[in-house]
PDB file of N, CA and C in Angstrom:
ATOM      1  N   UNK A   1     274.602 147.847  37.941  1.00  0.00           N
ATOM      2  CA  UNK A   1     274.192 148.498  36.725  1.00  0.00           C
ATOM      3  C   UNK A   1     275.363 149.300  36.176  1.00  0.00           C
ATOM      4  N   UNK A   2     275.466 149.357  34.886  1.00  0.00           N
ATOM      5  CA  UNK A   2     276.533 150.088  34.242  1.00  0.00           C
ATOM      6  C   UNK A   2     276.033 151.436  33.766  1.00  0.00           C
ATOM      7  N   UNK A   3     276.876 152.430  33.904  1.00  0.00           N
ATOM      8  CA  UNK A   3     276.538 153.738  33.375  1.00  0.00           C
ATOM      9  C   UNK A   3     276.983 153.781  31.927  1.00  0.00           C
ATOM     10  N   UNK A   4     276.538 154.790  31.210  1.00  0.00           N
ATOM     11  CA  UNK A   4     276.911 154.939  29.806  1.00  0.00           C
ATOM     12  C   UNK A   4     278.412 155.032  29.648  1.00  0.00           C
ATOM     13  N   UNK A   5     279.090 155.726  30.533  1.00  0.00           N
ATOM     14  CA  UNK A   5     280.537 155.877  30.417  1.00  0.00           C
ATOM     15  C   UNK A   5     281.247 154.559  30.685  1.00  0.00           C
ATOM     16  N   UNK A   6     280.667 153.678  31.495  1.00  0.00           N
ATOM     17  CA  UNK A   6     281.307 152.398  31.783  1.00  0.00           C
ATOM     18  C   UNK A   6     281.215 151.442  30.617  1.00  0.00           C
ATOM     19  N   UNK A   7     280.162 151.513  29.828  1.00  0.00           N
ATOM     20  CA  UNK A   7     279.995 150.550  28.741  1.00  0.00           C
ATOM     21  C   UNK A   7     281.068 150.694  27.686  1.00  0.00           C
ATOM     22  N   UNK A   8     281.691 151.846  27.567  1.00  0.00           N
ATOM     23  CA  UNK A   8     282.753 152.041  26.591  1.00  0.00           C
ATOM     24  C   UNK A   8     284.073 151.451  27.051  1.00  0.00           C
ATOM     25  N   UNK A   9     284.215 151.172  28.327  1.00  0.00           N
ATOM     26  CA  UNK A   9     285.452 150.661  28.903  1.00  0.00           C
ATOM     27  C   UNK A   9     285.259 149.196  29.283  1.00  0.00           C
ATOM     28  N   UNK A  10     285.895 148.248  28.540  1.00  0.00           N
ATOM     29  CA  UNK A  10     285.675 146.833  28.821  1.00  0.00           C
ATOM     30  C   UNK A  10     286.088 146.433  30.235  1.00  0.00           C
ATOM     31  N   UNK A  11     287.080 147.096  30.802  1.00  0.00           N
ATOM     32  CA  UNK A  11     287.495 146.790  32.163  1.00  0.00           C
ATOM     33  C   UNK A  11     286.397 147.180  33.148  1.00  0.00           C
ATOM     34  N   UNK A  12     285.652 148.208  32.846  1.00  0.00           N
ATOM     35  CA  UNK A  12     284.617 148.694  33.755  1.00  0.00           C
ATOM     36  C   UNK A  12     283.323 147.897  33.655  1.00  0.00           C
ATOM     37  N   UNK A  13     283.262 146.908  32.794  1.00  0.00           N
ATOM     38  CA  UNK A  13     282.033 146.131  32.650  1.00  0.00           C
ATOM     39  C   UNK A  13     281.931 145.005  33.656  1.00  0.00           C
ATOM     40  N   UNK A  14     282.755 145.027  34.677  1.00  0.00           N
ATOM     41  CA  UNK A  14     282.707 144.010  35.702  1.00  0.00           C
ATOM     42  C   UNK A  14     281.524 144.215  36.629  1.00  0.00           C
ATOM     43  N   UNK A  15     281.052 143.123  37.223  1.00  0.00           N
ATOM     44  CA  UNK A  15     279.974 143.186  38.189  1.00  0.00           C
ATOM     45  C   UNK A  15     280.480 143.910  39.417  1.00  0.00           C
ATOM     46  N   UNK A  16     279.686 144.804  39.928  1.00  0.00           N
ATOM     47  CA  UNK A  16     279.984 145.462  41.196  1.00  0.00           C
ATOM     48  C   UNK A  16     278.958 144.970  42.202  1.00  0.00           C
ATOM     49  N   UNK A  17     279.311 143.917  42.980  1.00  0.00           N
ATOM     50  CA  UNK A  17     278.336 143.340  43.905  1.00  0.00           C
ATOM     51  C   UNK A  17     277.863 144.313  44.966  1.00  0.00           C
ATOM     52  N   UNK A  18     278.606 145.360  45.218  1.00  0.00           N
ATOM     53  CA  UNK A  18     278.187 146.317  46.233  1.00  0.00           C
ATOM     54  C   UNK A  18     277.141 147.300  45.699  1.00  0.00           C
ATOM     55  N   UNK A  19     276.978 147.353  44.375  1.00  0.00           N
ATOM     56  CA  UNK A  19     276.004 148.256  43.771  1.00  0.00           C
ATOM     57  C   UNK A  19     274.621 147.660  43.897  1.00  0.00           C
ATOM     58  N   UNK A  20     273.672 148.366  44.467  1.00  0.00           N
ATOM     59  CA  UNK A  20     272.326 147.804  44.621  1.00  0.00           C
ATOM     60  C   UNK A  20     271.642 147.584  43.276  1.00  0.00           C
ATOM     61  N   UNK A  21     270.926 146.500  43.175  1.00  0.00           N
ATOM     62  CA  UNK A  21     270.162 146.247  41.958  1.00  0.00           C
ATOM     63  C   UNK A  21     268.983 147.191  41.937  1.00  0.00           C
ATOM     64  N   UNK A  22     268.624 147.656  40.764  1.00  0.00           N
ATOM     65  CA  UNK A  22     267.636 148.735  40.673  1.00  0.00           C
ATOM     66  C   UNK A  22     266.210 148.271  40.474  1.00  0.00           C
ATOM     67  N   UNK A  23     266.012 147.044  40.063  1.00  0.00           N
ATOM     68  CA  UNK A  23     264.637 146.634  39.837  1.00  0.00           C
ATOM     69  C   UNK A  23     264.430 145.210  40.305  1.00  0.00           C
ATOM     70  N   UNK A  24     263.184 144.876  40.500  1.00  0.00           N
ATOM     71  CA  UNK A  24     262.830 143.506  40.889  1.00  0.00           C
ATOM     72  C   UNK A  24     263.299 142.530  39.820  1.00  0.00           C
ATOM     73  N   UNK A  25     263.179 142.923  38.568  1.00  0.00           N
ATOM     74  CA  UNK A  25     263.627 142.071  37.471  1.00  0.00           C
ATOM     75  C   UNK A  25     265.121 141.787  37.568  1.00  0.00           C
ATOM     76  N   UNK A  26     265.918 142.818  37.883  1.00  0.00           N
ATOM     77  CA  UNK A  26     267.367 142.635  38.040  1.00  0.00           C
ATOM     78  C   UNK A  26     267.660 141.671  39.176  1.00  0.00           C
ATOM     79  N   UNK A  27     266.961 141.831  40.290  1.00  0.00           N
ATOM     80  CA  UNK A  27     267.174 140.951  41.448  1.00  0.00           C
ATOM     81  C   UNK A  27     266.814 139.507  41.119  1.00  0.00           C
ATOM     82  N   UNK A  28     265.711 139.328  40.404  1.00  0.00           N
ATOM     83  CA  UNK A  28     265.299 137.981  40.029  1.00  0.00           C
ATOM     84  C   UNK A  28     266.306 137.337  39.064  1.00  0.00           C
ATOM     85  N   UNK A  29     266.781 138.130  38.127  1.00  0.00           N
ATOM     86  CA  UNK A  29     267.777 137.618  37.175  1.00  0.00           C
ATOM     87  C   UNK A  29     269.048 137.205  37.894  1.00  0.00           C
ATOM     88  N   UNK A  30     269.529 138.043  38.810  1.00  0.00           N
ATOM     89  CA  UNK A  30     270.742 137.721  39.546  1.00  0.00           C
ATOM     90  C   UNK A  30     270.529 136.488  40.415  1.00  0.00           C
ATOM     91  N   UNK A  31     269.371 136.362  41.017  1.00  0.00           N
ATOM     92  CA  UNK A  31     269.052 135.203  41.842  1.00  0.00           C
ATOM     93  C   UNK A  31     269.092 133.925  41.011  1.00  0.00           C
ATOM     94  N   UNK A  32     268.513 133.971  39.817  1.00  0.00           N
ATOM     95  CA  UNK A  32     268.534 132.796  38.923  1.00  0.00           C
ATOM     96  C   UNK A  32     269.954 132.455  38.507  1.00  0.00           C
ATOM     97  N   UNK A  33     270.747 133.484  38.216  1.00  0.00           N
ATOM     98  CA  UNK A  33     272.129 133.246  37.823  1.00  0.00           C
ATOM     99  C   UNK A  33     272.915 132.625  38.978  1.00  0.00           C
ATOM    100  N   UNK A  34     272.710 133.112  40.187  1.00  0.00           N
ATOM    101  CA  UNK A  34     273.384 132.539  41.351  1.00  0.00           C
ATOM    102  C   UNK A  34     272.985 131.089  41.554  1.00  0.00           C
ATOM    103  N   UNK A  35     271.708 130.789  41.354  1.00  0.00           N
ATOM    104  CA  UNK A  35     271.202 129.423  41.539  1.00  0.00           C
ATOM    105  C   UNK A  35     271.836 128.447  40.554  1.00  0.00           C
ATOM    106  N   UNK A  36     272.324 128.943  39.436  1.00  0.00           N
ATOM    107  CA  UNK A  36     272.943 128.093  38.420  1.00  0.00           C
ATOM    108  C   UNK A  36     274.407 127.776  38.738  1.00  0.00           C
ATOM    109  N   UNK A  37     275.004 128.498  39.678  1.00  0.00           N
ATOM    110  CA  UNK A  37     276.388 128.240  40.064  1.00  0.00           C
ATOM    111  C   UNK A  37     276.468 126.964  40.903  1.00  0.00           C
ATOM    112  N   UNK A  38     277.627 126.306  40.921  1.00  0.00           N
ATOM    113  CA  UNK A  38     277.813 125.175  41.827  1.00  0.00           C
ATOM    114  C   UNK A  38     277.603 125.611  43.289  1.00  0.00           C
ATOM    115  N   UNK A  39     277.183 124.702  44.120  1.00  0.00           N
ATOM    116  CA  UNK A  39     276.836 125.006  45.509  1.00  0.00           C
ATOM    117  C   UNK A  39     277.982 125.693  46.261  1.00  0.00           C
ATOM    118  N   UNK A  40     279.227 125.237  46.075  1.00  0.00           N
ATOM    119  CA  UNK A  40     280.336 125.848  46.814  1.00  0.00           C
ATOM    120  C   UNK A  40     280.571 127.297  46.385  1.00  0.00           C
ATOM    121  N   UNK A  41     280.329 127.612  45.104  1.00  0.00           N
ATOM    122  CA  UNK A  41     280.455 128.986  44.642  1.00  0.00           C
ATOM    123  C   UNK A  41     279.320 129.843  45.174  1.00  0.00           C
ATOM    124  N   UNK A  42     278.115 129.293  45.202  1.00  0.00           N
ATOM    125  CA  UNK A  42     276.974 130.020  45.786  1.00  0.00           C
ATOM    126  C   UNK A  42     277.270 130.361  47.244  1.00  0.00           C
ATOM    127  N   UNK A  43     277.792 129.391  47.965  1.00  0.00           N
ATOM    128  CA  UNK A  43     278.049 129.585  49.386  1.00  0.00           C
ATOM    129  C   UNK A  43     279.057 130.718  49.627  1.00  0.00           C
ATOM    130  N   UNK A  44     280.179 130.718  48.914  1.00  0.00           N
ATOM    131  CA  UNK A  44     281.176 131.754  49.166  1.00  0.00           C
ATOM    132  C   UNK A  44     280.683 133.128  48.701  1.00  0.00           C
ATOM    133  N   UNK A  45     279.904 133.173  47.616  1.00  0.00           N
ATOM    134  CA  UNK A  45     279.321 134.442  47.157  1.00  0.00           C
ATOM    135  C   UNK A  45     278.410 135.010  48.240  1.00  0.00           C
ATOM    136  N   UNK A  46     277.546 134.175  48.780  1.00  0.00           N
ATOM    137  CA  UNK A  46     276.606 134.650  49.807  1.00  0.00           C
ATOM    138  C   UNK A  46     277.335 135.086  51.076  1.00  0.00           C
ATOM    139  N   UNK A  47     278.340 134.321  51.483  1.00  0.00           N
ATOM    140  CA  UNK A  47     279.090 134.702  52.683  1.00  0.00           C
ATOM    141  C   UNK A  47     279.852 136.005  52.469  1.00  0.00           C
ATOM    142  N   UNK A  48     280.391 136.201  51.293  1.00  0.00           N
ATOM    143  CA  UNK A  48     281.160 137.411  51.003  1.00  0.00           C
ATOM    144  C   UNK A  48     280.251 138.635  50.850  1.00  0.00           C
ATOM    145  N   UNK A  49     279.235 138.533  49.997  1.00  0.00           N
ATOM    146  CA  UNK A  49     278.470 139.722  49.637  1.00  0.00           C
ATOM    147  C   UNK A  49     277.175 139.908  50.442  1.00  0.00           C
ATOM    148  N   UNK A  50     276.585 138.842  50.910  1.00  0.00           N
ATOM    149  CA  UNK A  50     275.373 138.978  51.731  1.00  0.00           C
ATOM    150  C   UNK A  50     275.728 139.131  53.203  1.00  0.00           C
ATOM    151  N   UNK A  51     276.721 138.353  53.664  1.00  0.00           N
ATOM    152  CA  UNK A  51     277.094 138.389  55.075  1.00  0.00           C
ATOM    153  C   UNK A  51     278.262 139.324  55.347  1.00  0.00           C
ATOM    154  N   UNK A  52     278.965 139.729  54.302  1.00  0.00           N
ATOM    155  CA  UNK A  52     280.064 140.688  54.459  1.00  0.00           C
ATOM    156  C   UNK A  52     281.312 140.114  55.113  1.00  0.00           C
ATOM    157  N   UNK A  53     281.503 138.794  54.997  1.00  0.00           N
ATOM    158  CA  UNK A  53     282.669 138.168  55.614  1.00  0.00           C
ATOM    159  C   UNK A  53     283.930 138.373  54.785  1.00  0.00           C
ATOM    160  N   UNK A  54     285.066 138.380  55.456  1.00  0.00           N
ATOM    161  CA  UNK A  54     286.354 138.459  54.786  1.00  0.00           C
ATOM    162  C   UNK A  54     286.773 137.040  54.388  1.00  0.00           C
ATOM    163  N   UNK A  55     287.748 136.930  53.488  1.00  0.00           N
ATOM    164  CA  UNK A  55     288.182 135.621  53.017  1.00  0.00           C
ATOM    165  C   UNK A  55     288.525 134.686  54.170  1.00  0.00           C
ATOM    166  N   UNK A  56     289.260 135.187  55.158  1.00  0.00           N
ATOM    167  CA  UNK A  56     289.661 134.354  56.312  1.00  0.00           C
ATOM    168  C   UNK A  56     288.422 133.852  57.057  1.00  0.00           C
ATOM    169  N   UNK A  57     287.429 134.704  57.227  1.00  0.00           N
ATOM    170  CA  UNK A  57     286.202 134.307  57.929  1.00  0.00           C
ATOM    171  C   UNK A  57     285.419 133.270  57.106  1.00  0.00           C
ATOM    172  N   UNK A  58     285.403 133.439  55.797  1.00  0.00           N
ATOM    173  CA  UNK A  58     284.740 132.453  54.936  1.00  0.00           C
ATOM    174  C   UNK A  58     285.483 131.126  55.029  1.00  0.00           C
ATOM    175  N   UNK A  59     286.794 131.187  55.044  1.00  0.00           N
ATOM    176  CA  UNK A  59     287.615 129.992  55.179  1.00  0.00           C
ATOM    177  C   UNK A  59     287.277 129.244  56.475  1.00  0.00           C
ATOM    178  N   UNK A  60     287.170 129.971  57.549  1.00  0.00           N
ATOM    179  CA  UNK A  60     286.857 129.351  58.844  1.00  0.00           C
ATOM    180  C   UNK A  60     285.444 128.778  58.861  1.00  0.00           C
ATOM    181  N   UNK A  61     284.504 129.468  58.229  1.00  0.00           N
ATOM    182  CA  UNK A  61     283.117 129.021  58.226  1.00  0.00           C
ATOM    183  C   UNK A  61     282.894 127.789  57.340  1.00  0.00           C
ATOM    184  N   UNK A  62     283.702 127.664  56.287  1.00  0.00           N
ATOM    185  CA  UNK A  62     283.482 126.586  55.324  1.00  0.00           C
ATOM    186  C   UNK A  62     284.482 125.434  55.429  1.00  0.00           C
ATOM    187  N   UNK A  63     285.615 125.699  56.087  1.00  0.00           N
ATOM    188  CA  UNK A  63     286.664 124.682  56.134  1.00  0.00           C
ATOM    189  C   UNK A  63     287.538 124.672  54.894  1.00  0.00           C
ATOM    190  N   UNK A  64     287.314 125.625  53.997  1.00  0.00           N
ATOM    191  CA  UNK A  64     288.138 125.757  52.794  1.00  0.00           C
ATOM    192  C   UNK A  64     289.363 126.601  53.116  1.00  0.00           C
ATOM    193  N   UNK A  65     290.422 126.430  52.324  1.00  0.00           N
ATOM    194  CA  UNK A  65     291.583 127.295  52.495  1.00  0.00           C
ATOM    195  C   UNK A  65     291.239 128.696  51.979  1.00  0.00           C
ATOM    196  N   UNK A  66     291.980 129.679  52.453  1.00  0.00           N
ATOM    197  CA  UNK A  66     291.759 131.060  52.018  1.00  0.00           C
ATOM    198  C   UNK A  66     291.972 131.164  50.512  1.00  0.00           C
ATOM    199  N   UNK A  67     292.992 130.476  49.998  1.00  0.00           N
ATOM    200  CA  UNK A  67     293.241 130.548  48.547  1.00  0.00           C
ATOM    201  C   UNK A  67     292.103 129.875  47.771  1.00  0.00           C
ATOM    202  N   UNK A  68     291.516 128.820  48.313  1.00  0.00           N
ATOM    203  CA  UNK A  68     290.388 128.184  47.638  1.00  0.00           C
ATOM    204  C   UNK A  68     289.172 129.097  47.637  1.00  0.00           C
ATOM    205  N   UNK A  69     288.957 129.808  48.743  1.00  0.00           N
ATOM    206  CA  UNK A  69     287.875 130.784  48.804  1.00  0.00           C
ATOM    207  C   UNK A  69     288.056 131.832  47.707  1.00  0.00           C
ATOM    208  N   UNK A  70     289.274 132.351  47.585  1.00  0.00           N
ATOM    209  CA  UNK A  70     289.556 133.345  46.540  1.00  0.00           C
ATOM    210  C   UNK A  70     289.331 132.809  45.149  1.00  0.00           C
ATOM    211  N   UNK A  71     289.748 131.579  44.912  1.00  0.00           N
ATOM    212  CA  UNK A  71     289.553 130.948  43.606  1.00  0.00           C
ATOM    213  C   UNK A  71     288.073 130.785  43.301  1.00  0.00           C
ATOM    214  N   UNK A  72     287.295 130.292  44.269  1.00  0.00           N
ATOM    215  CA  UNK A  72     285.858 130.089  44.061  1.00  0.00           C
ATOM    216  C   UNK A  72     285.153 131.409  43.796  1.00  0.00           C
ATOM    217  N   UNK A  73     285.499 132.458  44.544  1.00  0.00           N
ATOM    218  CA  UNK A  73     284.904 133.778  44.307  1.00  0.00           C
ATOM    219  C   UNK A  73     285.255 134.300  42.920  1.00  0.00           C
ATOM    220  N   UNK A  74     286.501 134.194  42.562  1.00  0.00           N
ATOM    221  CA  UNK A  74     286.949 134.670  41.252  1.00  0.00           C
ATOM    222  C   UNK A  74     286.200 133.936  40.136  1.00  0.00           C
ATOM    223  N   UNK A  75     286.137 132.618  40.248  1.00  0.00           N
ATOM    224  CA  UNK A  75     285.481 131.798  39.231  1.00  0.00           C
ATOM    225  C   UNK A  75     283.993 132.131  39.130  1.00  0.00           C
ATOM    226  N   UNK A  76     283.339 132.256  40.281  1.00  0.00           N
ATOM    227  CA  UNK A  76     281.897 132.562  40.296  1.00  0.00           C
ATOM    228  C   UNK A  76     281.633 133.927  39.685  1.00  0.00           C
ATOM    229  N   UNK A  77     282.400 134.932  40.073  1.00  0.00           N
ATOM    230  CA  UNK A  77     282.194 136.283  39.535  1.00  0.00           C
ATOM    231  C   UNK A  77     282.454 136.323  38.037  1.00  0.00           C
ATOM    232  N   UNK A  78     283.443 135.573  37.583  1.00  0.00           N
ATOM    233  CA  UNK A  78     283.722 135.526  36.151  1.00  0.00           C
ATOM    234  C   UNK A  78     282.541 134.901  35.402  1.00  0.00           C
ATOM    235  N   UNK A  79     281.967 133.832  35.936  1.00  0.00           N
ATOM    236  CA  UNK A  79     280.813 133.217  35.303  1.00  0.00           C
ATOM    237  C   UNK A  79     279.633 134.199  35.254  1.00  0.00           C
ATOM    238  N   UNK A  80     279.421 134.922  36.337  1.00  0.00           N
ATOM    239  CA  UNK A  80     278.324 135.902  36.364  1.00  0.00           C
ATOM    240  C   UNK A  80     278.571 137.017  35.346  1.00  0.00           C
ATOM    241  N   UNK A  81     279.804 137.489  35.259  1.00  0.00           N
ATOM    242  CA  UNK A  81     280.143 138.529  34.277  1.00  0.00           C
ATOM    243  C   UNK A  81     279.858 138.029  32.862  1.00  0.00           C
ATOM    244  N   UNK A  82     280.298 136.804  32.585  1.00  0.00           N
ATOM    245  CA  UNK A  82     280.102 136.235  31.249  1.00  0.00           C
ATOM    246  C   UNK A  82     278.608 136.145  30.909  1.00  0.00           C
ATOM    247  N   UNK A  83     277.790 135.754  31.885  1.00  0.00           N
ATOM    248  CA  UNK A  83     276.357 135.637  31.657  1.00  0.00           C
ATOM    249  C   UNK A  83     275.693 136.999  31.418  1.00  0.00           C
ATOM    250  N   UNK A  84     276.232 138.042  32.015  1.00  0.00           N
ATOM    251  CA  UNK A  84     275.666 139.373  31.855  1.00  0.00           C
ATOM    252  C   UNK A  84     275.994 139.998  30.515  1.00  0.00           C
ATOM    253  N   UNK A  85     277.018 139.521  29.862  1.00  0.00           N
ATOM    254  CA  UNK A  85     277.437 140.124  28.585  1.00  0.00           C
ATOM    255  C   UNK A  85     276.699 139.525  27.410  1.00  0.00           C
TER     256      UNK A  85
END
């Protein structure tokens, strides 16, 4: 969720996955948005933010390179940010 002071700063309008969602509606919306991502992006998002794994651990769990994990996370988060705006 964004505070009033954050909405004035375009850099601060990024998703903060560590920030808890405040309502059931927010959680449902985020779940639907995640479901719309490609499977590989869903997987790395869940491993990073739900399981708390580091890039190297995600790489080992998925067989992807560390740089590919970073790319997939970046791309997925950018898509989520775009959908929220």
